[in-house]
Amino acid sequence: MTAAALVTLAGLPGCSLDGDSERATVQQILSASAAAAAATTPAAKAATAASPARLRHTTCEQVLGLIADAAALNKADSTWTPAKFVDEFIGKAQTSPQWETRASEDRNAYLDGARDALTGSCS
């Protein structure tokens, strides 16, 4: 697991750090999802924001990887589940200072992408 993955996981449910680190991690994921979705094609680069479908897919891919990493770290915890992880992750995102600055369409795409990750694949 990379150092970046450990830093990211440290701010997520089941992996304790202080509240400031958790908020920073969620903000980084929100920003990275939007940036990655926007920067993938020349047409997207010209747009000011990523399409909701692209944002949903990018978020799903990121959360899918985080679920796998968190599952590995939480093998001994019988109460840990991917659904619980995603619910807590979404809760942290929704309390992030960045959340209210996003368009509702983007917020919905982000939520849908995080929930899509529970299926194990990102369409």
PDB file of N, CA and C in Angstrom:
ATOM      1  N   MET A   1       0.850  -1.170   0.000  1.00  0.00           N
ATOM      2  CA  MET A   1       0.000   0.000   0.000  1.00  0.00           C
ATOM      3  C   MET A   1       0.897   1.233   0.000  1.00  0.00           C
ATOM      4  N   THR A   2       0.560   2.216  -0.795  1.00  0.00           N
ATOM      5  CA  THR A   2       1.393   3.407  -0.904  1.00  0.00           C
ATOM      6  C   THR A   2       1.211   4.310   0.302  1.00  0.00           C
ATOM      7  N   ALA A   3       2.158   5.212   0.494  1.00  0.00           N
ATOM      8  CA  ALA A   3       2.042   6.178   1.574  1.00  0.00           C
ATOM      9  C   ALA A   3       0.807   7.043   1.380  1.00  0.00           C
ATOM     10  N   ALA A   4       0.518   7.400   0.131  1.00  0.00           N
ATOM     11  CA  ALA A   4      -0.676   8.223  -0.145  1.00  0.00           C
ATOM     12  C   ALA A   4      -1.940   7.487   0.241  1.00  0.00           C
ATOM     13  N   ALA A   5      -1.997   6.190  -0.035  1.00  0.00           N
ATOM     14  CA  ALA A   5      -3.179   5.403   0.336  1.00  0.00           C
ATOM     15  C   ALA A   5      -3.331   5.356   1.850  1.00  0.00           C
ATOM     16  N   LEU A   6      -2.218   5.207   2.571  1.00  0.00           N
ATOM     17  CA  LEU A   6      -2.292   5.182   4.032  1.00  0.00           C
ATOM     18  C   LEU A   6      -2.741   6.512   4.582  1.00  0.00           C
ATOM     19  N   VAL A   7      -2.241   7.601   4.008  1.00  0.00           N
ATOM     20  CA  VAL A   7      -2.660   8.925   4.454  1.00  0.00           C
ATOM     21  C   VAL A   7      -4.147   9.107   4.206  1.00  0.00           C
ATOM     22  N   THR A   8      -4.609   8.700   3.029  1.00  0.00           N
ATOM     23  CA  THR A   8      -6.025   8.818   2.699  1.00  0.00           C
ATOM     24  C   THR A   8      -6.855   7.967   3.642  1.00  0.00           C
ATOM     25  N   LEU A   9      -6.461   6.726   3.857  1.00  0.00           N
ATOM     26  CA  LEU A   9      -7.219   5.833   4.720  1.00  0.00           C
ATOM     27  C   LEU A   9      -7.220   6.297   6.165  1.00  0.00           C
ATOM     28  N   ALA A  10      -6.169   6.952   6.576  1.00  0.00           N
ATOM     29  CA  ALA A  10      -6.101   7.395   7.961  1.00  0.00           C
ATOM     30  C   ALA A  10      -7.220   8.357   8.298  1.00  0.00           C
ATOM     31  N   GLY A  11      -7.762   9.044   7.307  1.00  0.00           N
ATOM     32  CA  GLY A  11      -8.833   9.985   7.558  1.00  0.00           C
ATOM     33  C   GLY A  11     -10.214   9.422   7.303  1.00  0.00           C
ATOM     34  N   LEU A  12     -10.325   8.125   7.121  1.00  0.00           N
ATOM     35  CA  LEU A  12     -11.604   7.523   6.784  1.00  0.00           C
ATOM     36  C   LEU A  12     -12.118   6.650   7.913  1.00  0.00           C
ATOM     37  N   PRO A  13     -13.399   6.289   7.859  1.00  0.00           N
ATOM     38  CA  PRO A  13     -14.000   5.489   8.923  1.00  0.00           C
ATOM     39  C   PRO A  13     -13.192   4.229   9.204  1.00  0.00           C
ATOM     40  N   GLY A  14     -13.039   3.937  10.482  1.00  0.00           N
ATOM     41  CA  GLY A  14     -12.313   2.741  10.883  1.00  0.00           C
ATOM     42  C   GLY A  14     -10.816   2.936  10.973  1.00  0.00           C
ATOM     43  N   CYS A  15     -10.342   4.112  10.610  1.00  0.00           N
ATOM     44  CA  CYS A  15      -8.909   4.414  10.633  1.00  0.00           C
ATOM     45  C   CYS A  15      -8.734   5.749  11.330  1.00  0.00           C
ATOM     46  N   SER A  16      -8.385   5.733  12.584  1.00  0.00           N
ATOM     47  CA  SER A  16      -8.420   6.945  13.386  1.00  0.00           C
ATOM     48  C   SER A  16      -7.283   7.908  13.114  1.00  0.00           C
ATOM     49  N   LEU A  17      -7.651   9.127  12.978  1.00  0.00           N
ATOM     50  CA  LEU A  17      -6.785  10.298  13.067  1.00  0.00           C
ATOM     51  C   LEU A  17      -7.666  11.374  13.670  1.00  0.00           C
ATOM     52  N   ASP A  18      -7.160  12.547  13.800  1.00  0.00           N
ATOM     53  CA  ASP A  18      -7.992  13.601  14.348  1.00  0.00           C
ATOM     54  C   ASP A  18      -9.010  14.081  13.321  1.00  0.00           C
ATOM     55  N   GLY A  19     -10.031  14.799  13.777  1.00  0.00           N
ATOM     56  CA  GLY A  19     -11.107  15.270  12.906  1.00  0.00           C
ATOM     57  C   GLY A  19     -10.621  16.162  11.783  1.00  0.00           C
ATOM     58  N   ASP A  20      -9.594  16.979  12.022  1.00  0.00           N
ATOM     59  CA  ASP A  20      -9.077  17.857  10.971  1.00  0.00           C
ATOM     60  C   ASP A  20      -8.503  17.042   9.821  1.00  0.00           C
ATOM     61  N   SER A  21      -7.804  15.963  10.131  1.00  0.00           N
ATOM     62  CA  SER A  21      -7.251  15.109   9.077  1.00  0.00           C
ATOM     63  C   SER A  21      -8.348  14.448   8.278  1.00  0.00           C
ATOM     64  N   GLU A  22      -9.425  14.021   8.950  1.00  0.00           N
ATOM     65  CA  GLU A  22     -10.543  13.394   8.254  1.00  0.00           C
ATOM     66  C   GLU A  22     -11.199  14.381   7.292  1.00  0.00           C
ATOM     67  N   ARG A  23     -11.428  15.596   7.761  1.00  0.00           N
ATOM     68  CA  ARG A  23     -12.044  16.610   6.890  1.00  0.00           C
ATOM     69  C   ARG A  23     -11.139  16.917   5.709  1.00  0.00           C
ATOM     70  N   ALA A  24      -9.846  17.006   5.947  1.00  0.00           N
ATOM     71  CA  ALA A  24      -8.902  17.298   4.871  1.00  0.00           C
ATOM     72  C   ALA A  24      -8.913  16.181   3.831  1.00  0.00           C
ATOM     73  N   THR A  25      -9.006  14.942   4.275  1.00  0.00           N
ATOM     74  CA  THR A  25      -9.023  13.816   3.349  1.00  0.00           C
ATOM     75  C   THR A  25     -10.253  13.858   2.466  1.00  0.00           C
ATOM     76  N   VAL A  26     -11.407  14.094   3.051  1.00  0.00           N
ATOM     77  CA  VAL A  26     -12.641  14.167   2.266  1.00  0.00           C
ATOM     78  C   VAL A  26     -12.555  15.315   1.271  1.00  0.00           C
ATOM     79  N   GLN A  27     -12.032  16.452   1.693  1.00  0.00           N
ATOM     80  CA  GLN A  27     -11.879  17.584   0.780  1.00  0.00           C
ATOM     81  C   GLN A  27     -10.957  17.219  -0.368  1.00  0.00           C
ATOM     82  N   GLN A  28      -9.899  16.495  -0.090  1.00  0.00           N
ATOM     83  CA  GLN A  28      -8.977  16.082  -1.147  1.00  0.00           C
ATOM     84  C   GLN A  28      -9.665  15.155  -2.132  1.00  0.00           C
ATOM     85  N   ILE A  29     -10.476  14.226  -1.633  1.00  0.00           N
ATOM     86  CA  ILE A  29     -11.198  13.306  -2.521  1.00  0.00           C
ATOM     87  C   ILE A  29     -12.196  14.072  -3.372  1.00  0.00           C
ATOM     88  N   LEU A  30     -12.934  14.999  -2.764  1.00  0.00           N
ATOM     89  CA  LEU A  30     -13.895  15.804  -3.534  1.00  0.00           C
ATOM     90  C   LEU A  30     -13.184  16.564  -4.642  1.00  0.00           C
ATOM     91  N   SER A  31     -12.087  17.199  -4.307  1.00  0.00           N
ATOM     92  CA  SER A  31     -11.336  17.969  -5.291  1.00  0.00           C
ATOM     93  C   SER A  31     -10.706  17.071  -6.344  1.00  0.00           C
ATOM     94  N   ALA A  32     -10.121  15.968  -5.912  1.00  0.00           N
ATOM     95  CA  ALA A  32      -9.456  15.064  -6.850  1.00  0.00           C
ATOM     96  C   ALA A  32     -10.453  14.428  -7.804  1.00  0.00           C
ATOM     97  N   SER A  33     -11.633  14.077  -7.314  1.00  0.00           N
ATOM     98  CA  SER A  33     -12.651  13.480  -8.186  1.00  0.00           C
ATOM     99  C   SER A  33     -13.043  14.453  -9.288  1.00  0.00           C
ATOM    100  N   ALA A  34     -13.305  15.671  -8.911  1.00  0.00           N
ATOM    101  CA  ALA A  34     -13.709  16.673  -9.892  1.00  0.00           C
ATOM    102  C   ALA A  34     -12.574  16.984 -10.852  1.00  0.00           C
ATOM    103  N   ALA A  35     -11.363  17.124 -10.331  1.00  0.00           N
ATOM    104  CA  ALA A  35     -10.223  17.449 -11.184  1.00  0.00           C
ATOM    105  C   ALA A  35      -9.906  16.311 -12.153  1.00  0.00           C
ATOM    106  N   ALA A  36      -9.924  15.088 -11.662  1.00  0.00           N
ATOM    107  CA  ALA A  36      -9.625  13.950 -12.528  1.00  0.00           C
ATOM    108  C   ALA A  36     -10.680  13.795 -13.610  1.00  0.00           C
ATOM    109  N   ALA A  37     -11.919  13.993 -13.251  1.00  0.00           N
ATOM    110  CA  ALA A  37     -12.988  13.862 -14.235  1.00  0.00           C
ATOM    111  C   ALA A  37     -12.896  14.967 -15.284  1.00  0.00           C
ATOM    112  N   ALA A  38     -12.519  16.150 -14.856  1.00  0.00           N
ATOM    113  CA  ALA A  38     -12.455  17.280 -15.783  1.00  0.00           C
ATOM    114  C   ALA A  38     -11.245  17.220 -16.705  1.00  0.00           C
ATOM    115  N   ALA A  39     -10.183  16.585 -16.259  1.00  0.00           N
ATOM    116  CA  ALA A  39      -8.932  16.626 -17.011  1.00  0.00           C
ATOM    117  C   ALA A  39      -8.697  15.427 -17.913  1.00  0.00           C
ATOM    118  N   THR A  40      -9.697  14.616 -18.157  1.00  0.00           N
ATOM    119  CA  THR A  40      -9.454  13.384 -18.893  1.00  0.00           C
ATOM    120  C   THR A  40      -9.534  13.521 -20.400  1.00  0.00           C
ATOM    121  N   THR A  41     -10.266  14.465 -20.907  1.00  0.00           N
ATOM    122  CA  THR A  41     -10.389  14.615 -22.354  1.00  0.00           C
ATOM    123  C   THR A  41     -10.182  16.074 -22.723  1.00  0.00           C
ATOM    124  N   PRO A  42      -9.767  16.355 -23.961  1.00  0.00           N
ATOM    125  CA  PRO A  42      -9.618  17.746 -24.374  1.00  0.00           C
ATOM    126  C   PRO A  42     -10.927  18.531 -24.250  1.00  0.00           C
ATOM    127  N   ALA A  43     -12.037  17.900 -24.585  1.00  0.00           N
ATOM    128  CA  ALA A  43     -13.325  18.596 -24.479  1.00  0.00           C
ATOM    129  C   ALA A  43     -13.641  18.908 -23.025  1.00  0.00           C
ATOM    130  N   ALA A  44     -13.331  17.964 -22.161  1.00  0.00           N
ATOM    131  CA  ALA A  44     -13.595  18.179 -20.744  1.00  0.00           C
ATOM    132  C   ALA A  44     -12.698  19.270 -20.175  1.00  0.00           C
ATOM    133  N   LYS A  45     -11.450  19.327 -20.655  1.00  0.00           N
ATOM    134  CA  LYS A  45     -10.544  20.369 -20.186  1.00  0.00           C
ATOM    135  C   LYS A  45     -11.076  21.760 -20.521  1.00  0.00           C
ATOM    136  N   ALA A  46     -11.776  21.880 -21.628  1.00  0.00           N
ATOM    137  CA  ALA A  46     -12.324  23.170 -22.024  1.00  0.00           C
ATOM    138  C   ALA A  46     -13.505  23.568 -21.146  1.00  0.00           C
ATOM    139  N   ALA A  47     -14.170  22.616 -20.593  1.00  0.00           N
ATOM    140  CA  ALA A  47     -15.313  22.900 -19.723  1.00  0.00           C
ATOM    141  C   ALA A  47     -14.803  23.330 -18.354  1.00  0.00           C
ATOM    142  N   THR A  48     -15.623  24.051 -17.625  1.00  0.00           N
ATOM    143  CA  THR A  48     -15.213  24.512 -16.302  1.00  0.00           C
ATOM    144  C   THR A  48     -15.410  23.441 -15.244  1.00  0.00           C
ATOM    145  N   ALA A  49     -16.230  22.452 -15.527  1.00  0.00           N
ATOM    146  CA  ALA A  49     -16.469  21.382 -14.556  1.00  0.00           C
ATOM    147  C   ALA A  49     -16.656  20.063 -15.291  1.00  0.00           C
ATOM    148  N   ALA A  50     -16.451  18.992 -14.581  1.00  0.00           N
ATOM    149  CA  ALA A  50     -16.641  17.668 -15.149  1.00  0.00           C
ATOM    150  C   ALA A  50     -18.124  17.377 -15.296  1.00  0.00           C
ATOM    151  N   SER A  51     -18.462  16.536 -16.253  1.00  0.00           N
ATOM    152  CA  SER A  51     -19.850  16.125 -16.386  1.00  0.00           C
ATOM    153  C   SER A  51     -20.224  15.285 -15.181  1.00  0.00           C
ATOM    154  N   PRO A  52     -21.493  15.297 -14.786  1.00  0.00           N
ATOM    155  CA  PRO A  52     -21.899  14.473 -13.650  1.00  0.00           C
ATOM    156  C   PRO A  52     -21.594  12.981 -13.860  1.00  0.00           C
ATOM    157  N   ALA A  53     -21.761  12.485 -15.076  1.00  0.00           N
ATOM    158  CA  ALA A  53     -21.487  11.064 -15.331  1.00  0.00           C
ATOM    159  C   ALA A  53     -20.009  10.758 -15.108  1.00  0.00           C
ATOM    160  N   ARG A  54     -19.150  11.627 -15.579  1.00  0.00           N
ATOM    161  CA  ARG A  54     -17.698  11.419 -15.412  1.00  0.00           C
ATOM    162  C   ARG A  54     -17.309  11.543 -13.940  1.00  0.00           C
ATOM    163  N   LEU A  55     -17.886  12.516 -13.248  1.00  0.00           N
ATOM    164  CA  LEU A  55     -17.615  12.703 -11.826  1.00  0.00           C
ATOM    165  C   LEU A  55     -18.073  11.471 -11.044  1.00  0.00           C
ATOM    166  N   ARG A  56     -19.228  10.931 -11.390  1.00  0.00           N
ATOM    167  CA  ARG A  56     -19.746   9.737 -10.726  1.00  0.00           C
ATOM    168  C   ARG A  56     -18.781   8.561 -10.920  1.00  0.00           C
ATOM    169  N   HIS A  57     -18.320   8.370 -12.145  1.00  0.00           N
ATOM    170  CA  HIS A  57     -17.415   7.267 -12.448  1.00  0.00           C
ATOM    171  C   HIS A  57     -16.085   7.431 -11.720  1.00  0.00           C
ATOM    172  N   THR A  58     -15.520   8.608 -11.761  1.00  0.00           N
ATOM    173  CA  THR A  58     -14.236   8.863 -11.114  1.00  0.00           C
ATOM    174  C   THR A  58     -14.338   8.665  -9.606  1.00  0.00           C
ATOM    175  N   THR A  59     -15.398   9.165  -9.014  1.00  0.00           N
ATOM    176  CA  THR A  59     -15.602   8.998  -7.577  1.00  0.00           C
ATOM    177  C   THR A  59     -15.740   7.523  -7.237  1.00  0.00           C
ATOM    178  N   CYS A  60     -16.499   6.791  -8.038  1.00  0.00           N
ATOM    179  CA  CYS A  60     -16.678   5.363  -7.814  1.00  0.00           C
ATOM    180  C   CYS A  60     -15.332   4.644  -7.825  1.00  0.00           C
ATOM    181  N   GLU A  61     -14.509   4.921  -8.797  1.00  0.00           N
ATOM    182  CA  GLU A  61     -13.203   4.266  -8.885  1.00  0.00           C
ATOM    183  C   GLU A  61     -12.355   4.550  -7.648  1.00  0.00           C
ATOM    184  N   GLN A  62     -12.378   5.802  -7.195  1.00  0.00           N
ATOM    185  CA  GLN A  62     -11.580   6.163  -6.024  1.00  0.00           C
ATOM    186  C   GLN A  62     -12.102   5.481  -4.765  1.00  0.00           C
ATOM    187  N   VAL A  63     -13.411   5.502  -4.580  1.00  0.00           N
ATOM    188  CA  VAL A  63     -13.990   4.905  -3.379  1.00  0.00           C
ATOM    189  C   VAL A  63     -13.848   3.384  -3.410  1.00  0.00           C
ATOM    190  N   LEU A  64     -13.956   2.780  -4.580  1.00  0.00           N
ATOM    191  CA  LEU A  64     -13.773   1.332  -4.716  1.00  0.00           C
ATOM    192  C   LEU A  64     -12.385   0.921  -4.209  1.00  0.00           C
ATOM    193  N   GLY A  65     -11.372   1.676  -4.579  1.00  0.00           N
ATOM    194  CA  GLY A  65     -10.017   1.399  -4.095  1.00  0.00           C
ATOM    195  C   GLY A  65      -9.889   1.600  -2.595  1.00  0.00           C
ATOM    196  N   LEU A  66     -10.550   2.631  -2.071  1.00  0.00           N
ATOM    197  CA  LEU A  66     -10.499   2.887  -0.635  1.00  0.00           C
ATOM    198  C   LEU A  66     -11.201   1.783   0.150  1.00  0.00           C
ATOM    199  N   ILE A  67     -12.300   1.269  -0.397  1.00  0.00           N
ATOM    200  CA  ILE A  67     -13.015   0.168   0.265  1.00  0.00           C
ATOM    201  C   ILE A  67     -12.094  -1.045   0.383  1.00  0.00           C
ATOM    202  N   ALA A  68     -11.419  -1.376  -0.698  1.00  0.00           N
ATOM    203  CA  ALA A  68     -10.515  -2.535  -0.680  1.00  0.00           C
ATOM    204  C   ALA A  68      -9.398  -2.343   0.341  1.00  0.00           C
ATOM    205  N   ASP A  69      -8.806  -1.168   0.371  1.00  0.00           N
ATOM    206  CA  ASP A  69      -7.726  -0.895   1.317  1.00  0.00           C
ATOM    207  C   ASP A  69      -8.237  -0.905   2.754  1.00  0.00           C
ATOM    208  N   ALA A  70      -9.397  -0.301   2.994  1.00  0.00           N
ATOM    209  CA  ALA A  70      -9.966  -0.264   4.345  1.00  0.00           C
ATOM    210  C   ALA A  70     -10.355  -1.661   4.802  1.00  0.00           C
ATOM    211  N   ALA A  71     -10.869  -2.481   3.896  1.00  0.00           N
ATOM    212  CA  ALA A  71     -11.228  -3.859   4.253  1.00  0.00           C
ATOM    213  C   ALA A  71      -9.995  -4.624   4.727  1.00  0.00           C
ATOM    214  N   ALA A  72      -8.882  -4.419   4.042  1.00  0.00           N
ATOM    215  CA  ALA A  72      -7.644  -5.096   4.429  1.00  0.00           C
ATOM    216  C   ALA A  72      -7.176  -4.649   5.814  1.00  0.00           C
ATOM    217  N   LEU A  73      -7.369  -3.375   6.114  1.00  0.00           N
ATOM    218  CA  LEU A  73      -6.952  -2.851   7.416  1.00  0.00           C
ATOM    219  C   LEU A  73      -7.906  -3.243   8.537  1.00  0.00           C
ATOM    220  N   ASN A  74      -9.124  -3.615   8.199  1.00  0.00           N
ATOM    221  CA  ASN A  74     -10.143  -3.892   9.203  1.00  0.00           C
ATOM    222  C   ASN A  74     -10.557  -5.357   9.264  1.00  0.00           C
ATOM    223  N   LYS A  75      -9.679  -6.255   8.833  1.00  0.00           N
ATOM    224  CA  LYS A  75      -9.991  -7.694   8.834  1.00  0.00           C
ATOM    225  C   LYS A  75     -10.437  -8.199  10.201  1.00  0.00           C
ATOM    226  N   ALA A  76      -9.839  -7.703  11.248  1.00  0.00           N
ATOM    227  CA  ALA A  76     -10.131  -8.196  12.594  1.00  0.00           C
ATOM    228  C   ALA A  76     -11.395  -7.577  13.196  1.00  0.00           C
ATOM    229  N   ASP A  77     -11.937  -6.562  12.566  1.00  0.00           N
ATOM    230  CA  ASP A  77     -13.122  -5.882  13.100  1.00  0.00           C
ATOM    231  C   ASP A  77     -14.380  -6.503  12.496  1.00  0.00           C
ATOM    232  N   SER A  78     -15.094  -7.283  13.291  1.00  0.00           N
ATOM    233  CA  SER A  78     -16.281  -7.981  12.788  1.00  0.00           C
ATOM    234  C   SER A  78     -17.454  -7.042  12.532  1.00  0.00           C
ATOM    235  N   THR A  79     -17.366  -5.806  13.016  1.00  0.00           N
ATOM    236  CA  THR A  79     -18.466  -4.857  12.791  1.00  0.00           C
ATOM    237  C   THR A  79     -18.276  -4.026  11.531  1.00  0.00           C
ATOM    238  N   TRP A  80     -17.069  -4.084  10.934  1.00  0.00           N
ATOM    239  CA  TRP A  80     -16.796  -3.284   9.742  1.00  0.00           C
ATOM    240  C   TRP A  80     -17.465  -3.903   8.526  1.00  0.00           C
ATOM    241  N   THR A  81     -18.135  -3.059   7.741  1.00  0.00           N
ATOM    242  CA  THR A  81     -18.715  -3.495   6.463  1.00  0.00           C
ATOM    243  C   THR A  81     -18.468  -2.419   5.419  1.00  0.00           C
ATOM    244  N   PRO A  82     -18.406  -2.795   4.144  1.00  0.00           N
ATOM    245  CA  PRO A  82     -18.264  -1.786   3.098  1.00  0.00           C
ATOM    246  C   PRO A  82     -19.409  -0.766   3.122  1.00  0.00           C
ATOM    247  N   ALA A  83     -20.629  -1.217   3.377  1.00  0.00           N
ATOM    248  CA  ALA A  83     -21.769  -0.293   3.403  1.00  0.00           C
ATOM    249  C   ALA A  83     -21.620   0.740   4.518  1.00  0.00           C
ATOM    250  N   LYS A  84     -21.182   0.279   5.675  1.00  0.00           N
ATOM    251  CA  LYS A  84     -20.964   1.189   6.803  1.00  0.00           C
ATOM    252  C   LYS A  84     -19.850   2.185   6.466  1.00  0.00           C
ATOM    253  N   PHE A  85     -18.796   1.687   5.850  1.00  0.00           N
ATOM    254  CA  PHE A  85     -17.679   2.533   5.439  1.00  0.00           C
ATOM    255  C   PHE A  85     -18.159   3.640   4.500  1.00  0.00           C
ATOM    256  N   VAL A  86     -18.934   3.261   3.473  1.00  0.00           N
ATOM    257  CA  VAL A  86     -19.410   4.244   2.496  1.00  0.00           C
ATOM    258  C   VAL A  86     -20.375   5.231   3.153  1.00  0.00           C
ATOM    259  N   ASP A  87     -21.255   4.755   4.020  1.00  0.00           N
ATOM    260  CA  ASP A  87     -22.175   5.663   4.718  1.00  0.00           C
ATOM    261  C   ASP A  87     -21.411   6.697   5.540  1.00  0.00           C
ATOM    262  N   GLU A  88     -20.381   6.245   6.252  1.00  0.00           N
ATOM    263  CA  GLU A  88     -19.587   7.174   7.053  1.00  0.00           C
ATOM    264  C   GLU A  88     -18.777   8.115   6.162  1.00  0.00           C
ATOM    265  N   PHE A  89     -18.266   7.591   5.072  1.00  0.00           N
ATOM    266  CA  PHE A  89     -17.515   8.408   4.125  1.00  0.00           C
ATOM    267  C   PHE A  89     -18.415   9.514   3.554  1.00  0.00           C
ATOM    268  N   ILE A  90     -19.627   9.151   3.163  1.00  0.00           N
ATOM    269  CA  ILE A  90     -20.587  10.127   2.631  1.00  0.00           C
ATOM    270  C   ILE A  90     -20.925  11.169   3.692  1.00  0.00           C
ATOM    271  N   GLY A  91     -21.114  10.715   4.927  1.00  0.00           N
ATOM    272  CA  GLY A  91     -21.404  11.659   6.010  1.00  0.00           C
ATOM    273  C   GLY A  91     -20.300  12.682   6.185  1.00  0.00           C
ATOM    274  N   LYS A  92     -19.066  12.226   6.098  1.00  0.00           N
ATOM    275  CA  LYS A  92     -17.933  13.159   6.213  1.00  0.00           C
ATOM    276  C   LYS A  92     -17.897  14.125   5.025  1.00  0.00           C
ATOM    277  N   ALA A  93     -18.199  13.610   3.851  1.00  0.00           N
ATOM    278  CA  ALA A  93     -18.213  14.480   2.668  1.00  0.00           C
ATOM    279  C   ALA A  93     -19.273  15.565   2.812  1.00  0.00           C
ATOM    280  N   GLN A  94     -20.434  15.179   3.307  1.00  0.00           N
ATOM    281  CA  GLN A  94     -21.539  16.124   3.420  1.00  0.00           C
ATOM    282  C   GLN A  94     -21.319  17.188   4.482  1.00  0.00           C
ATOM    283  N   THR A  95     -20.407  16.951   5.399  1.00  0.00           N
ATOM    284  CA  THR A  95     -20.093  17.966   6.406  1.00  0.00           C
ATOM    285  C   THR A  95     -18.828  18.745   6.059  1.00  0.00           C
ATOM    286  N   SER A  96     -18.231  18.431   4.924  1.00  0.00           N
ATOM    287  CA  SER A  96     -17.044  19.133   4.461  1.00  0.00           C
ATOM    288  C   SER A  96     -17.405  20.567   4.062  1.00  0.00           C
ATOM    289  N   PRO A  97     -16.523  21.524   4.325  1.00  0.00           N
ATOM    290  CA  PRO A  97     -16.785  22.909   3.895  1.00  0.00           C
ATOM    291  C   PRO A  97     -16.975  23.034   2.383  1.00  0.00           C
ATOM    292  N   GLN A  98     -16.365  22.135   1.609  1.00  0.00           N
ATOM    293  CA  GLN A  98     -16.503  22.186   0.152  1.00  0.00           C
ATOM    294  C   GLN A  98     -17.880  21.746  -0.321  1.00  0.00           C
ATOM    295  N   TRP A  99     -18.584  20.966   0.489  1.00  0.00           N
ATOM    296  CA  TRP A  99     -19.826  20.343   0.048  1.00  0.00           C
ATOM    297  C   TRP A  99     -20.836  21.385  -0.451  1.00  0.00           C
ATOM    298  N   GLU A 100     -21.048  22.412   0.306  1.00  0.00           N
ATOM    299  CA  GLU A 100     -22.059  23.417  -0.057  1.00  0.00           C
ATOM    300  C   GLU A 100     -21.642  24.281  -1.246  1.00  0.00           C
ATOM    301  N   THR A 101     -20.359  24.268  -1.582  1.00  0.00           N
ATOM    302  CA  THR A 101     -19.911  25.059  -2.726  1.00  0.00           C
ATOM    303  C   THR A 101     -20.113  24.322  -4.044  1.00  0.00           C
ATOM    304  N   ARG A 102     -20.430  23.041  -3.972  1.00  0.00           N
ATOM    305  CA  ARG A 102     -20.658  22.227  -5.173  1.00  0.00           C
ATOM    306  C   ARG A 102     -22.089  22.381  -5.653  1.00  0.00           C
ATOM    307  N   ALA A 103     -22.267  22.304  -6.955  1.00  0.00           N
ATOM    308  CA  ALA A 103     -23.619  22.310  -7.524  1.00  0.00           C
ATOM    309  C   ALA A 103     -24.325  21.038  -7.072  1.00  0.00           C
ATOM    310  N   SER A 104     -25.633  21.110  -6.909  1.00  0.00           N
ATOM    311  CA  SER A 104     -26.376  19.934  -6.439  1.00  0.00           C
ATOM    312  C   SER A 104     -26.197  18.755  -7.390  1.00  0.00           C
ATOM    313  N   GLU A 105     -26.084  19.018  -8.684  1.00  0.00           N
ATOM    314  CA  GLU A 105     -25.857  17.951  -9.668  1.00  0.00           C
ATOM    315  C   GLU A 105     -24.528  17.233  -9.389  1.00  0.00           C
ATOM    316  N   ASP A 106     -23.499  17.994  -9.039  1.00  0.00           N
ATOM    317  CA  ASP A 106     -22.199  17.403  -8.708  1.00  0.00           C
ATOM    318  C   ASP A 106     -22.263  16.630  -7.394  1.00  0.00           C
ATOM    319  N   ARG A 107     -22.968  17.176  -6.405  1.00  0.00           N
ATOM    320  CA  ARG A 107     -23.104  16.468  -5.125  1.00  0.00           C
ATOM    321  C   ARG A 107     -23.805  15.132  -5.338  1.00  0.00           C
ATOM    322  N   ASN A 108     -24.859  15.139  -6.140  1.00  0.00           N
ATOM    323  CA  ASN A 108     -25.576  13.888  -6.411  1.00  0.00           C
ATOM    324  C   ASN A 108     -24.697  12.890  -7.148  1.00  0.00           C
ATOM    325  N   ALA A 109     -23.897  13.361  -8.093  1.00  0.00           N
ATOM    326  CA  ALA A 109     -22.990  12.479  -8.830  1.00  0.00           C
ATOM    327  C   ALA A 109     -21.954  11.876  -7.883  1.00  0.00           C
ATOM    328  N   TYR A 110     -21.457  12.679  -6.970  1.00  0.00           N
ATOM    329  CA  TYR A 110     -20.490  12.200  -5.992  1.00  0.00           C
ATOM    330  C   TYR A 110     -21.109  11.114  -5.114  1.00  0.00           C
ATOM    331  N   LEU A 111     -22.311  11.369  -4.603  1.00  0.00           N
ATOM    332  CA  LEU A 111     -23.006  10.393  -3.760  1.00  0.00           C
ATOM    333  C   LEU A 111     -23.280   9.101  -4.522  1.00  0.00           C
ATOM    334  N   ASP A 112     -23.765   9.247  -5.745  1.00  0.00           N
ATOM    335  CA  ASP A 112     -24.056   8.070  -6.568  1.00  0.00           C
ATOM    336  C   ASP A 112     -22.789   7.264  -6.844  1.00  0.00           C
ATOM    337  N   GLY A 113     -21.685   7.948  -7.112  1.00  0.00           N
ATOM    338  CA  GLY A 113     -20.428   7.261  -7.366  1.00  0.00           C
ATOM    339  C   GLY A 113     -19.942   6.492  -6.151  1.00  0.00           C
ATOM    340  N   ALA A 114     -20.062   7.110  -4.982  1.00  0.00           N
ATOM    341  CA  ALA A 114     -19.640   6.425  -3.757  1.00  0.00           C
ATOM    342  C   ALA A 114     -20.509   5.186  -3.522  1.00  0.00           C
ATOM    343  N   ARG A 115     -21.802   5.312  -3.758  1.00  0.00           N
ATOM    344  CA  ARG A 115     -22.702   4.163  -3.587  1.00  0.00           C
ATOM    345  C   ARG A 115     -22.487   3.109  -4.660  1.00  0.00           C
ATOM    346  N   ASP A 116     -22.154   3.539  -5.874  1.00  0.00           N
ATOM    347  CA  ASP A 116     -21.848   2.579  -6.945  1.00  0.00           C
ATOM    348  C   ASP A 116     -20.678   1.670  -6.562  1.00  0.00           C
ATOM    349  N   ALA A 117     -19.738   2.213  -5.820  1.00  0.00           N
ATOM    350  CA  ALA A 117     -18.563   1.432  -5.428  1.00  0.00           C
ATOM    351  C   ALA A 117     -18.954   0.209  -4.603  1.00  0.00           C
ATOM    352  N   LEU A 118     -20.075   0.273  -3.923  1.00  0.00           N
ATOM    353  CA  LEU A 118     -20.540  -0.878  -3.140  1.00  0.00           C
ATOM    354  C   LEU A 118     -20.892  -2.079  -4.024  1.00  0.00           C
ATOM    355  N   THR A 119     -21.200  -1.829  -5.287  1.00  0.00           N
ATOM    356  CA  THR A 119     -21.528  -2.930  -6.192  1.00  0.00           C
ATOM    357  C   THR A 119     -20.275  -3.670  -6.651  1.00  0.00           C
ATOM    358  N   GLY A 120     -19.125  -3.034  -6.462  1.00  0.00           N
ATOM    359  CA  GLY A 120     -17.872  -3.666  -6.866  1.00  0.00           C
ATOM    360  C   GLY A 120     -17.409  -3.303  -8.264  1.00  0.00           C
ATOM    361  N   SER A 121     -18.210  -2.515  -8.977  1.00  0.00           N
ATOM    362  CA  SER A 121     -17.770  -2.071 -10.304  1.00  0.00           C
ATOM    363  C   SER A 121     -18.316  -0.679 -10.606  1.00  0.00           C
ATOM    364  N   CYS A 122     -17.584   0.014 -11.440  1.00  0.00           N
ATOM    365  CA  CYS A 122     -17.957   1.379 -11.810  1.00  0.00           C
ATOM    366  C   CYS A 122     -18.307   1.411 -13.280  1.00  0.00           C
ATOM    367  N   SER A 123     -19.544   1.748 -13.584  1.00  0.00           N
ATOM    368  CA  SER A 123     -19.963   1.736 -14.993  1.00  0.00           C
ATOM    369  C   SER A 123     -19.693   3.052 -15.670  1.00  0.00           C
TER     370      SER A 123
END
